[in-house]
Amino acid sequence: MQNIVGKSLGNRLVLGAVIALAVVWIAPLVWVFALSFKPNEFLTVRTDVIFSGPFTLKNYTDIIGTSSVFRWTMNSVIVSVVQTFAMLVLASLAGYGFARTEFPGKNLLFFAVLAGLTVPEQAIIVPLHLMFADLEMHNTYTALILPRLATPFGVYLMTQYFKAIPRDIEEAAMLDNASRLKIFFKVILPLSIPAQATLGIFTFLHAWNDYLWPLISASKPDMYTLTLGLASTQSNFGQSEGIGYLMSQAVFAGLPVFILYLFFQKYIIAAVSGTAAK
C-alpha cells in the first residue's frame, strides 16, 4: 500500500514539474501572440497587460498592406522547399551508395563525411562568401540554396537507415533481374519514408530559420528571406514601427512552421525519441 501511495505521489510530482516547465516554455509565446494584437501607442506605455484591452488587428493589416513580408515569405518558401527536396535526393542517393555498394576509397570518403560533422558552419562562411562573390552569384536563389546542401548529417542519417534494412529484400528483387536503380526507387526508397520525413522536417526548419548565410549572401532587400527581413526592421528599435507590429511579424513568420508541425508531428516526435514513426 505504501509503495502504491509513494508511486502515486511521485507521478504527481513529475506531472507537476512537467506542467510547470510547459508553462515556463509557453509563456513567452503567449506574450508575443497577445502583444501582436495590442495598439503600438498602448505598448509604448506598458507591455505587461496582455489579457485585457485594448485590442486591434492593425498590426496584421499593416503587414498585408504596407510591408515586404510577403516577398520575404515567398523567398523563404522557395529556398526552404527547394533545399529540402534537393537534400532528400542527394542524401538518399549518397546514403544508399555508402550503405549498399562497394567502390574504391569508400571508407575514406565516408570518414570525410563524418569529419564534416565536426566543422562549424561559421568556419567556412568566409570561403563560401569569396567563392560565390567570384562567381557573381550573391543575391540569387542559387546562392541561398547551394551551400546548405553540403550538410553531412543527411548523408550519415540515410546511410545508417539503409544499413538497417535487411539485405534479403534486395536479394529477392535481384533474383527477378531488377537493376540497382530500380531496387532503390521501387523497394528501398518506400521503406525509408520515416527517415525521409525526419530529414525533410529538420532540413525545412533549418532552412526556414537560417539567418547567418542569408545575411552574408542577400544584400538586396528583394532577396531577403523572412528571418533576415524581420531582423532588418528591428535593426534600430527606436525608429521601428512599434512593438506590436514586430510581434505580429514574429507570429506571421512562425505560422508556416506551426502548420508544418501539425501535419508532421508524429515524425518530429519519432525523430526526437529515436524511434520510427508509424
C-alpha atoms as a PDB file:
ATOM      1  CA  MET A   1       0.000   0.000   0.000  1.00  0.00           C
ATOM      2  CA  GLN A   2       2.822   2.378   0.900  1.00  0.00           C
ATOM      3  CA  ASN A   3       4.549   1.582  -2.412  1.00  0.00           C
ATOM      4  CA  ILE A   4       1.366   2.436  -4.321  1.00  0.00           C
ATOM      5  CA  VAL A   5       0.971   5.718  -2.421  1.00  0.00           C
ATOM      6  CA  GLY A   6       4.645   6.526  -2.966  1.00  0.00           C
ATOM      7  CA  LYS A   7       4.416   5.854  -6.707  1.00  0.00           C
ATOM      8  CA  SER A   8       1.241   7.933  -6.950  1.00  0.00           C
ATOM      9  CA  LEU A   9       2.893  10.841  -5.149  1.00  0.00           C
ATOM     10  CA  GLY A  10       5.990  10.522  -7.334  1.00  0.00           C
ATOM     11  CA  ASN A  11       3.904  10.535 -10.507  1.00  0.00           C
ATOM     12  CA  ARG A  12       2.059  13.640  -9.340  1.00  0.00           C
ATOM     13  CA  LEU A  13       5.327  15.420  -8.598  1.00  0.00           C
ATOM     14  CA  VAL A  14       6.683  14.530 -12.038  1.00  0.00           C
ATOM     15  CA  LEU A  15       3.442  15.667 -13.678  1.00  0.00           C
ATOM     16  CA  GLY A  16       3.549  18.929 -11.710  1.00  0.00           C
ATOM     17  CA  ALA A  17       7.152  19.531 -12.754  1.00  0.00           C
ATOM     18  CA  VAL A  18       6.312  18.862 -16.417  1.00  0.00           C
ATOM     19  CA  ILE A  19       3.337  21.246 -16.273  1.00  0.00           C
ATOM     20  CA  ALA A  20       5.494  23.931 -14.635  1.00  0.00           C
ATOM     21  CA  LEU A  21       8.159  23.584 -17.337  1.00  0.00           C
ATOM     22  CA  ALA A  22       5.494  23.685 -20.042  1.00  0.00           C
ATOM     23  CA  VAL A  23       4.083  26.915 -18.591  1.00  0.00           C
ATOM     24  CA  VAL A  24       7.566  28.475 -18.473  1.00  0.00           C
ATOM     25  CA  TRP A  25       8.203  27.411 -22.070  1.00  0.00           C
ATOM     26  CA  ILE A  26       4.871  28.570 -23.494  1.00  0.00           C
ATOM     27  CA  ALA A  27       4.604  31.871 -21.566  1.00  0.00           C
ATOM     28  CA  PRO A  28       6.848  33.855 -23.964  1.00  0.00           C
ATOM     29  CA  LEU A  29       4.845  32.550 -26.935  1.00  0.00           C
ATOM     30  CA  VAL A  30       1.573  33.650 -25.349  1.00  0.00           C
ATOM     31  CA  TRP A  31       3.129  37.032 -24.546  1.00  0.00           C
ATOM     32  CA  VAL A  32       4.266  37.542 -28.152  1.00  0.00           C
ATOM     33  CA  PHE A  33       0.893  36.439 -29.545  1.00  0.00           C
ATOM     34  CA  ALA A  34      -1.041  38.722 -27.189  1.00  0.00           C
ATOM     35  CA  LEU A  35       1.156  41.776 -27.852  1.00  0.00           C
ATOM     36  CA  SER A  36       0.667  41.334 -31.591  1.00  0.00           C
ATOM     37  CA  PHE A  37      -2.981  42.387 -31.074  1.00  0.00           C
ATOM     38  CA  LYS A  38      -2.137  45.460 -28.998  1.00  0.00           C
ATOM     39  CA  PRO A  39      -2.004  49.046 -30.358  1.00  0.00           C
ATOM     40  CA  ASN A  40       1.558  50.310 -30.660  1.00  0.00           C
ATOM     41  CA  GLU A  41       0.618  53.508 -28.828  1.00  0.00           C
ATOM     42  CA  PHE A  42      -0.541  51.480 -25.847  1.00  0.00           C
ATOM     43  CA  LEU A  43       2.654  49.394 -25.825  1.00  0.00           C
ATOM     44  CA  THR A  44       4.824  52.497 -25.568  1.00  0.00           C
ATOM     45  CA  VAL A  45       3.323  52.964 -22.093  1.00  0.00           C
ATOM     46  CA  ARG A  46       3.218  49.384 -20.800  1.00  0.00           C
ATOM     47  CA  THR A  47       3.702  45.843 -22.065  1.00  0.00           C
ATOM     48  CA  ASP A  48       2.675  43.824 -19.013  1.00  0.00           C
ATOM     49  CA  VAL A  49      -1.084  43.814 -19.699  1.00  0.00           C
ATOM     50  CA  ILE A  50      -1.824  41.131 -22.261  1.00  0.00           C
ATOM     51  CA  PHE A  51      -5.247  39.647 -21.487  1.00  0.00           C
ATOM     52  CA  SER A  52      -7.257  42.873 -21.256  1.00  0.00           C
ATOM     53  CA  GLY A  53      -7.959  45.559 -23.862  1.00  0.00           C
ATOM     54  CA  PRO A  54      -7.405  47.433 -25.965  1.00  0.00           C
ATOM     55  CA  PHE A  55      -7.018  45.041 -28.926  1.00  0.00           C
ATOM     56  CA  THR A  56      -6.517  45.753 -32.608  1.00  0.00           C
ATOM     57  CA  LEU A  57      -5.903  44.000 -35.935  1.00  0.00           C
ATOM     58  CA  LYS A  58      -3.994  46.964 -37.348  1.00  0.00           C
ATOM     59  CA  ASN A  59      -0.613  45.295 -36.898  1.00  0.00           C
ATOM     60  CA  TYR A  60      -1.657  42.426 -39.156  1.00  0.00           C
ATOM     61  CA  THR A  61      -3.339  44.679 -41.725  1.00  0.00           C
ATOM     62  CA  ASP A  62      -0.110  46.706 -41.867  1.00  0.00           C
ATOM     63  CA  ILE A  63       1.805  43.504 -42.667  1.00  0.00           C
ATOM     64  CA  ILE A  64      -0.567  42.679 -45.519  1.00  0.00           C
ATOM     65  CA  GLY A  65      -0.771  46.189 -46.926  1.00  0.00           C
ATOM     66  CA  THR A  66       2.453  48.070 -46.372  1.00  0.00           C
ATOM     67  CA  SER A  67       5.417  45.768 -45.732  1.00  0.00           C
ATOM     68  CA  SER A  68       7.640  43.412 -47.762  1.00  0.00           C
ATOM     69  CA  VAL A  69       6.766  40.431 -45.598  1.00  0.00           C
ATOM     70  CA  PHE A  70       5.037  38.527 -48.398  1.00  0.00           C
ATOM     71  CA  ARG A  71       8.052  38.922 -50.666  1.00  0.00           C
ATOM     72  CA  TRP A  72      10.332  37.708 -47.884  1.00  0.00           C
ATOM     73  CA  THR A  73       7.940  34.862 -47.120  1.00  0.00           C
ATOM     74  CA  MET A  74       7.954  33.764 -50.752  1.00  0.00           C
ATOM     75  CA  ASN A  75      11.761  33.824 -50.753  1.00  0.00           C
ATOM     76  CA  SER A  76      11.815  31.652 -47.635  1.00  0.00           C
ATOM     77  CA  VAL A  77       9.288  29.231 -49.116  1.00  0.00           C
ATOM     78  CA  ILE A  78      11.284  28.855 -52.344  1.00  0.00           C
ATOM     79  CA  VAL A  79      14.597  28.415 -50.533  1.00  0.00           C
ATOM     80  CA  SER A  80      13.222  26.018 -47.910  1.00  0.00           C
ATOM     81  CA  VAL A  81      11.200  23.803 -50.275  1.00  0.00           C
ATOM     82  CA  VAL A  82      13.900  23.528 -52.956  1.00  0.00           C
ATOM     83  CA  GLN A  83      16.616  22.972 -50.364  1.00  0.00           C
ATOM     84  CA  THR A  84      14.570  20.271 -48.625  1.00  0.00           C
ATOM     85  CA  PHE A  85      13.778  18.426 -51.871  1.00  0.00           C
ATOM     86  CA  ALA A  86      17.376  18.613 -53.110  1.00  0.00           C
ATOM     87  CA  MET A  87      18.712  17.464 -49.738  1.00  0.00           C
ATOM     88  CA  LEU A  88      16.419  14.421 -49.726  1.00  0.00           C
ATOM     89  CA  VAL A  89      17.506  13.429 -53.226  1.00  0.00           C
ATOM     90  CA  LEU A  90      21.229  13.882 -52.633  1.00  0.00           C
ATOM     91  CA  ALA A  91      21.300  12.384 -49.137  1.00  0.00           C
ATOM     92  CA  SER A  92      19.243   9.360 -50.186  1.00  0.00           C
ATOM     93  CA  LEU A  93      21.411   8.560 -53.206  1.00  0.00           C
ATOM     94  CA  ALA A  94      24.648   9.099 -51.298  1.00  0.00           C
ATOM     95  CA  GLY A  95      23.394   7.161 -48.270  1.00  0.00           C
ATOM     96  CA  TYR A  96      22.355   4.215 -50.425  1.00  0.00           C
ATOM     97  CA  GLY A  97      25.724   4.253 -52.159  1.00  0.00           C
ATOM     98  CA  PHE A  98      27.580   4.121 -48.849  1.00  0.00           C
ATOM     99  CA  ALA A  99      25.266   1.510 -47.352  1.00  0.00           C
ATOM    100  CA  ARG A 100      24.872  -0.952 -50.221  1.00  0.00           C
ATOM    101  CA  THR A 101      27.624  -0.530 -52.817  1.00  0.00           C
ATOM    102  CA  GLU A 102      31.372  -1.058 -52.850  1.00  0.00           C
ATOM    103  CA  PHE A 103      33.802   1.272 -54.588  1.00  0.00           C
ATOM    104  CA  PRO A 104      37.456   2.315 -54.140  1.00  0.00           C
ATOM    105  CA  GLY A 105      38.002   4.747 -51.276  1.00  0.00           C
ATOM    106  CA  LYS A 106      34.531   4.211 -49.829  1.00  0.00           C
ATOM    107  CA  ASN A 107      35.654   4.101 -46.183  1.00  0.00           C
ATOM    108  CA  LEU A 108      37.944   7.105 -46.607  1.00  0.00           C
ATOM    109  CA  LEU A 109      35.193   9.116 -48.266  1.00  0.00           C
ATOM    110  CA  PHE A 110      32.671   8.211 -45.560  1.00  0.00           C
ATOM    111  CA  PHE A 111      35.227   9.220 -42.935  1.00  0.00           C
ATOM    112  CA  ALA A 112      35.484  12.601 -44.683  1.00  0.00           C
ATOM    113  CA  VAL A 113      31.690  12.922 -44.463  1.00  0.00           C
ATOM    114  CA  LEU A 114      31.796  12.176 -40.734  1.00  0.00           C
ATOM    115  CA  ALA A 115      34.632  14.663 -40.296  1.00  0.00           C
ATOM    116  CA  GLY A 116      32.399  17.290 -41.875  1.00  0.00           C
ATOM    117  CA  LEU A 117      30.041  16.949 -38.912  1.00  0.00           C
ATOM    118  CA  THR A 118      32.727  18.430 -36.672  1.00  0.00           C
ATOM    119  CA  VAL A 119      33.238  21.595 -38.752  1.00  0.00           C
ATOM    120  CA  PRO A 120      31.129  24.552 -37.534  1.00  0.00           C
ATOM    121  CA  GLU A 121      29.362  26.450 -40.292  1.00  0.00           C
ATOM    122  CA  GLN A 122      30.886  29.721 -39.098  1.00  0.00           C
ATOM    123  CA  ALA A 123      34.340  28.401 -40.009  1.00  0.00           C
ATOM    124  CA  ILE A 124      33.518  28.227 -43.724  1.00  0.00           C
ATOM    125  CA  ILE A 125      31.473  31.415 -44.089  1.00  0.00           C
ATOM    126  CA  VAL A 126      34.398  33.481 -45.439  1.00  0.00           C
ATOM    127  CA  PRO A 127      35.479  30.908 -48.090  1.00  0.00           C
ATOM    128  CA  LEU A 128      31.851  30.482 -49.157  1.00  0.00           C
ATOM    129  CA  HIS A 129      31.372  34.235 -49.439  1.00  0.00           C
ATOM    130  CA  LEU A 130      34.523  34.641 -51.533  1.00  0.00           C
ATOM    131  CA  MET A 131      33.617  31.719 -53.792  1.00  0.00           C
ATOM    132  CA  PHE A 132      30.111  32.969 -54.559  1.00  0.00           C
ATOM    133  CA  ALA A 133      31.364  36.539 -54.890  1.00  0.00           C
ATOM    134  CA  ASP A 134      33.904  35.431 -57.519  1.00  0.00           C
ATOM    135  CA  LEU A 135      31.112  33.601 -59.351  1.00  0.00           C
ATOM    136  CA  GLU A 136      28.875  36.706 -59.028  1.00  0.00           C
ATOM    137  CA  MET A 137      26.073  34.571 -57.618  1.00  0.00           C
ATOM    138  CA  HIS A 138      25.148  36.531 -54.497  1.00  0.00           C
ATOM    139  CA  ASN A 139      21.565  37.819 -54.300  1.00  0.00           C
ATOM    140  CA  THR A 140      20.255  34.770 -56.144  1.00  0.00           C
ATOM    141  CA  TYR A 141      18.230  31.751 -55.018  1.00  0.00           C
ATOM    142  CA  THR A 142      21.072  29.519 -56.143  1.00  0.00           C
ATOM    143  CA  ALA A 143      23.472  31.166 -53.699  1.00  0.00           C
ATOM    144  CA  LEU A 144      20.961  30.856 -50.863  1.00  0.00           C
ATOM    145  CA  ILE A 145      20.326  27.154 -51.531  1.00  0.00           C
ATOM    146  CA  LEU A 146      23.552  25.502 -52.717  1.00  0.00           C
ATOM    147  CA  PRO A 147      25.811  25.943 -49.643  1.00  0.00           C
ATOM    148  CA  ARG A 148      23.266  24.284 -47.331  1.00  0.00           C
ATOM    149  CA  LEU A 149      23.146  21.144 -49.495  1.00  0.00           C
ATOM    150  CA  ALA A 150      26.655  20.189 -48.401  1.00  0.00           C
ATOM    151  CA  THR A 151      25.413  19.062 -44.979  1.00  0.00           C
ATOM    152  CA  PRO A 152      26.932  15.725 -43.848  1.00  0.00           C
ATOM    153  CA  PHE A 153      24.150  14.961 -41.380  1.00  0.00           C
ATOM    154  CA  GLY A 154      21.671  13.941 -44.080  1.00  0.00           C
ATOM    155  CA  VAL A 155      24.122  11.535 -45.718  1.00  0.00           C
ATOM    156  CA  TYR A 156      25.003   9.994 -42.358  1.00  0.00           C
ATOM    157  CA  LEU A 157      21.346   9.607 -41.335  1.00  0.00           C
ATOM    158  CA  MET A 158      20.295   7.941 -44.572  1.00  0.00           C
ATOM    159  CA  THR A 159      23.378   5.694 -44.619  1.00  0.00           C
ATOM    160  CA  GLN A 160      22.615   4.344 -41.166  1.00  0.00           C
ATOM    161  CA  TYR A 161      18.941   3.864 -42.018  1.00  0.00           C
ATOM    162  CA  PHE A 162      19.667   1.984 -45.231  1.00  0.00           C
ATOM    163  CA  LYS A 163      22.143  -0.253 -43.402  1.00  0.00           C
ATOM    164  CA  ALA A 164      19.350  -1.291 -41.026  1.00  0.00           C
ATOM    165  CA  ILE A 165      17.163  -2.533 -43.901  1.00  0.00           C
ATOM    166  CA  PRO A 166      17.600  -6.324 -44.365  1.00  0.00           C
ATOM    167  CA  ARG A 167      19.582  -7.282 -47.464  1.00  0.00           C
ATOM    168  CA  ASP A 168      17.199 -10.166 -48.119  1.00  0.00           C
ATOM    169  CA  ILE A 169      14.698  -7.707 -49.597  1.00  0.00           C
ATOM    170  CA  GLU A 170      17.206  -6.507 -52.189  1.00  0.00           C
ATOM    171  CA  GLU A 171      18.439 -10.001 -52.955  1.00  0.00           C
ATOM    172  CA  ALA A 172      14.884 -11.115 -53.689  1.00  0.00           C
ATOM    173  CA  ALA A 173      14.491  -8.227 -56.129  1.00  0.00           C
ATOM    174  CA  MET A 174      17.831  -9.047 -57.767  1.00  0.00           C
ATOM    175  CA  LEU A 175      16.614 -12.596 -58.424  1.00  0.00           C
ATOM    176  CA  ASP A 176      13.862 -11.006 -60.523  1.00  0.00           C
ATOM    177  CA  ASN A 177      16.577  -9.259 -62.588  1.00  0.00           C
ATOM    178  CA  ALA A 178      15.803  -5.831 -61.142  1.00  0.00           C
ATOM    179  CA  SER A 179      18.535  -3.226 -61.646  1.00  0.00           C
ATOM    180  CA  ARG A 180      20.224  -1.478 -58.744  1.00  0.00           C
ATOM    181  CA  LEU A 181      18.468   1.780 -59.608  1.00  0.00           C
ATOM    182  CA  LYS A 182      15.072   0.080 -59.842  1.00  0.00           C
ATOM    183  CA  ILE A 183      15.628  -1.620 -56.489  1.00  0.00           C
ATOM    184  CA  PHE A 184      16.456   1.743 -54.942  1.00  0.00           C
ATOM    185  CA  PHE A 185      13.353   3.550 -56.233  1.00  0.00           C
ATOM    186  CA  LYS A 186      10.831   0.694 -56.068  1.00  0.00           C
ATOM    187  CA  VAL A 187      11.953  -1.200 -52.959  1.00  0.00           C
ATOM    188  CA  ILE A 188      14.349   0.694 -50.705  1.00  0.00           C
ATOM    189  CA  LEU A 189      13.043   4.244 -51.029  1.00  0.00           C
ATOM    190  CA  PRO A 190       9.456   3.417 -49.933  1.00  0.00           C
ATOM    191  CA  LEU A 191      10.868   1.656 -46.859  1.00  0.00           C
ATOM    192  CA  SER A 192      12.814   4.786 -45.892  1.00  0.00           C
ATOM    193  CA  ILE A 193       9.819   7.131 -45.648  1.00  0.00           C
ATOM    194  CA  PRO A 194      10.214   7.654 -41.849  1.00  0.00           C
ATOM    195  CA  ALA A 195      13.863   8.670 -42.291  1.00  0.00           C
ATOM    196  CA  GLN A 196      12.959  10.798 -45.319  1.00  0.00           C
ATOM    197  CA  ALA A 197      10.262  12.596 -43.334  1.00  0.00           C
ATOM    198  CA  THR A 198      12.591  13.183 -40.387  1.00  0.00           C
ATOM    199  CA  LEU A 199      15.381  14.549 -42.576  1.00  0.00           C
ATOM    200  CA  GLY A 200      12.922  16.647 -44.569  1.00  0.00           C
ATOM    201  CA  ILE A 201      11.437  18.227 -41.459  1.00  0.00           C
ATOM    202  CA  PHE A 202      14.793  19.104 -39.947  1.00  0.00           C
ATOM    203  CA  THR A 203      16.081  20.440 -43.270  1.00  0.00           C
ATOM    204  CA  PHE A 204      12.996  22.598 -43.810  1.00  0.00           C
ATOM    205  CA  LEU A 205      13.109  24.016 -40.289  1.00  0.00           C
ATOM    206  CA  HIS A 206      16.830  24.777 -40.573  1.00  0.00           C
ATOM    207  CA  ALA A 207      16.346  26.451 -43.958  1.00  0.00           C
ATOM    208  CA  TRP A 208      13.330  28.447 -42.765  1.00  0.00           C
ATOM    209  CA  ASN A 209      15.113  29.720 -39.641  1.00  0.00           C
ATOM    210  CA  ASP A 210      18.527  30.214 -41.274  1.00  0.00           C
ATOM    211  CA  TYR A 211      19.874  33.696 -40.657  1.00  0.00           C
ATOM    212  CA  LEU A 212      23.675  33.675 -40.934  1.00  0.00           C
ATOM    213  CA  TRP A 213      24.137  32.709 -44.592  1.00  0.00           C
ATOM    214  CA  PRO A 214      21.259  34.872 -45.956  1.00  0.00           C
ATOM    215  CA  LEU A 215      22.772  37.762 -44.000  1.00  0.00           C
ATOM    216  CA  ILE A 216      26.021  37.259 -45.946  1.00  0.00           C
ATOM    217  CA  SER A 217      24.613  36.390 -49.364  1.00  0.00           C
ATOM    218  CA  ALA A 218      21.475  38.523 -49.677  1.00  0.00           C
ATOM    219  CA  SER A 219      22.311  42.231 -49.655  1.00  0.00           C
ATOM    220  CA  LYS A 220      19.297  43.357 -51.700  1.00  0.00           C
ATOM    221  CA  PRO A 221      16.004  43.689 -49.779  1.00  0.00           C
ATOM    222  CA  ASP A 222      14.131  41.867 -52.560  1.00  0.00           C
ATOM    223  CA  MET A 223      16.226  38.749 -51.873  1.00  0.00           C
ATOM    224  CA  TYR A 224      15.838  38.793 -48.088  1.00  0.00           C
ATOM    225  CA  THR A 225      14.429  35.674 -46.506  1.00  0.00           C
ATOM    226  CA  LEU A 226      11.793  36.128 -43.820  1.00  0.00           C
ATOM    227  CA  THR A 227      14.204  35.849 -40.886  1.00  0.00           C
ATOM    228  CA  LEU A 228      16.576  38.397 -42.421  1.00  0.00           C
ATOM    229  CA  GLY A 229      13.766  40.712 -43.457  1.00  0.00           C
ATOM    230  CA  LEU A 230      12.197  40.739 -39.998  1.00  0.00           C
ATOM    231  CA  ALA A 231      15.595  41.348 -38.434  1.00  0.00           C
ATOM    232  CA  SER A 232      16.154  44.317 -40.763  1.00  0.00           C
ATOM    233  CA  THR A 233      13.014  46.002 -39.420  1.00  0.00           C
ATOM    234  CA  GLN A 234      14.358  45.666 -35.886  1.00  0.00           C
ATOM    235  CA  SER A 235      17.882  46.949 -36.515  1.00  0.00           C
ATOM    236  CA  ASN A 236      17.064  50.310 -34.930  1.00  0.00           C
ATOM    237  CA  PHE A 237      14.462  49.758 -32.211  1.00  0.00           C
ATOM    238  CA  GLY A 238      13.985  53.476 -31.573  1.00  0.00           C
ATOM    239  CA  GLN A 239      12.878  54.020 -35.187  1.00  0.00           C
ATOM    240  CA  SER A 240      10.938  50.772 -35.578  1.00  0.00           C
ATOM    241  CA  GLU A 241       7.247  50.734 -36.385  1.00  0.00           C
ATOM    242  CA  GLY A 242       6.190  49.582 -32.927  1.00  0.00           C
ATOM    243  CA  ILE A 243       6.427  46.595 -30.638  1.00  0.00           C
ATOM    244  CA  GLY A 244       3.018  45.278 -31.628  1.00  0.00           C
ATOM    245  CA  TYR A 245       3.974  45.390 -35.294  1.00  0.00           C
ATOM    246  CA  LEU A 246       7.180  43.460 -34.613  1.00  0.00           C
ATOM    247  CA  MET A 247       5.289  40.873 -32.574  1.00  0.00           C
ATOM    248  CA  SER A 248       2.753  40.388 -35.359  1.00  0.00           C
ATOM    249  CA  GLN A 249       5.612  39.801 -37.797  1.00  0.00           C
ATOM    250  CA  ALA A 250       7.050  37.162 -35.465  1.00  0.00           C
ATOM    251  CA  VAL A 251       3.659  35.407 -35.306  1.00  0.00           C
ATOM    252  CA  PHE A 252       3.316  35.635 -39.077  1.00  0.00           C
ATOM    253  CA  ALA A 253       6.773  34.121 -39.561  1.00  0.00           C
ATOM    254  CA  GLY A 254       6.054  31.266 -37.172  1.00  0.00           C
ATOM    255  CA  LEU A 255       2.734  30.180 -38.715  1.00  0.00           C
ATOM    256  CA  PRO A 256       4.241  28.034 -41.531  1.00  0.00           C
ATOM    257  CA  VAL A 257       6.411  26.159 -39.036  1.00  0.00           C
ATOM    258  CA  PHE A 258       3.412  25.635 -36.765  1.00  0.00           C
ATOM    259  CA  ILE A 259       1.336  24.287 -39.667  1.00  0.00           C
ATOM    260  CA  LEU A 260       4.221  22.012 -40.652  1.00  0.00           C
ATOM    261  CA  TYR A 261       4.330  20.656 -37.123  1.00  0.00           C
ATOM    262  CA  LEU A 262       0.595  19.923 -37.121  1.00  0.00           C
ATOM    263  CA  PHE A 263       0.926  17.767 -40.238  1.00  0.00           C
ATOM    264  CA  PHE A 264       4.196  16.013 -39.341  1.00  0.00           C
ATOM    265  CA  GLN A 265       4.206  15.983 -35.545  1.00  0.00           C
ATOM    266  CA  LYS A 266       4.411  12.190 -35.317  1.00  0.00           C
ATOM    267  CA  TYR A 267       7.625  12.205 -37.348  1.00  0.00           C
ATOM    268  CA  ILE A 268       9.108  15.030 -35.274  1.00  0.00           C
ATOM    269  CA  ILE A 269       8.316  13.160 -32.052  1.00  0.00           C
ATOM    270  CA  ALA A 270       9.742   9.971 -33.522  1.00  0.00           C
ATOM    271  CA  ALA A 271      12.913  11.778 -34.571  1.00  0.00           C
ATOM    272  CA  VAL A 272      13.421  13.261 -31.107  1.00  0.00           C
ATOM    273  CA  SER A 273      12.687   9.981 -29.334  1.00  0.00           C
ATOM    274  CA  GLY A 274      14.849   7.966 -31.720  1.00  0.00           C
ATOM    275  CA  THR A 275      12.046   5.647 -32.882  1.00  0.00           C
ATOM    276  CA  ALA A 276      10.345   5.124 -36.203  1.00  0.00           C
ATOM    277  CA  ALA A 277       7.017   6.822 -36.829  1.00  0.00           C
ATOM    278  CA  LYS A 278       4.098   4.521 -37.637  1.00  0.00           C
END
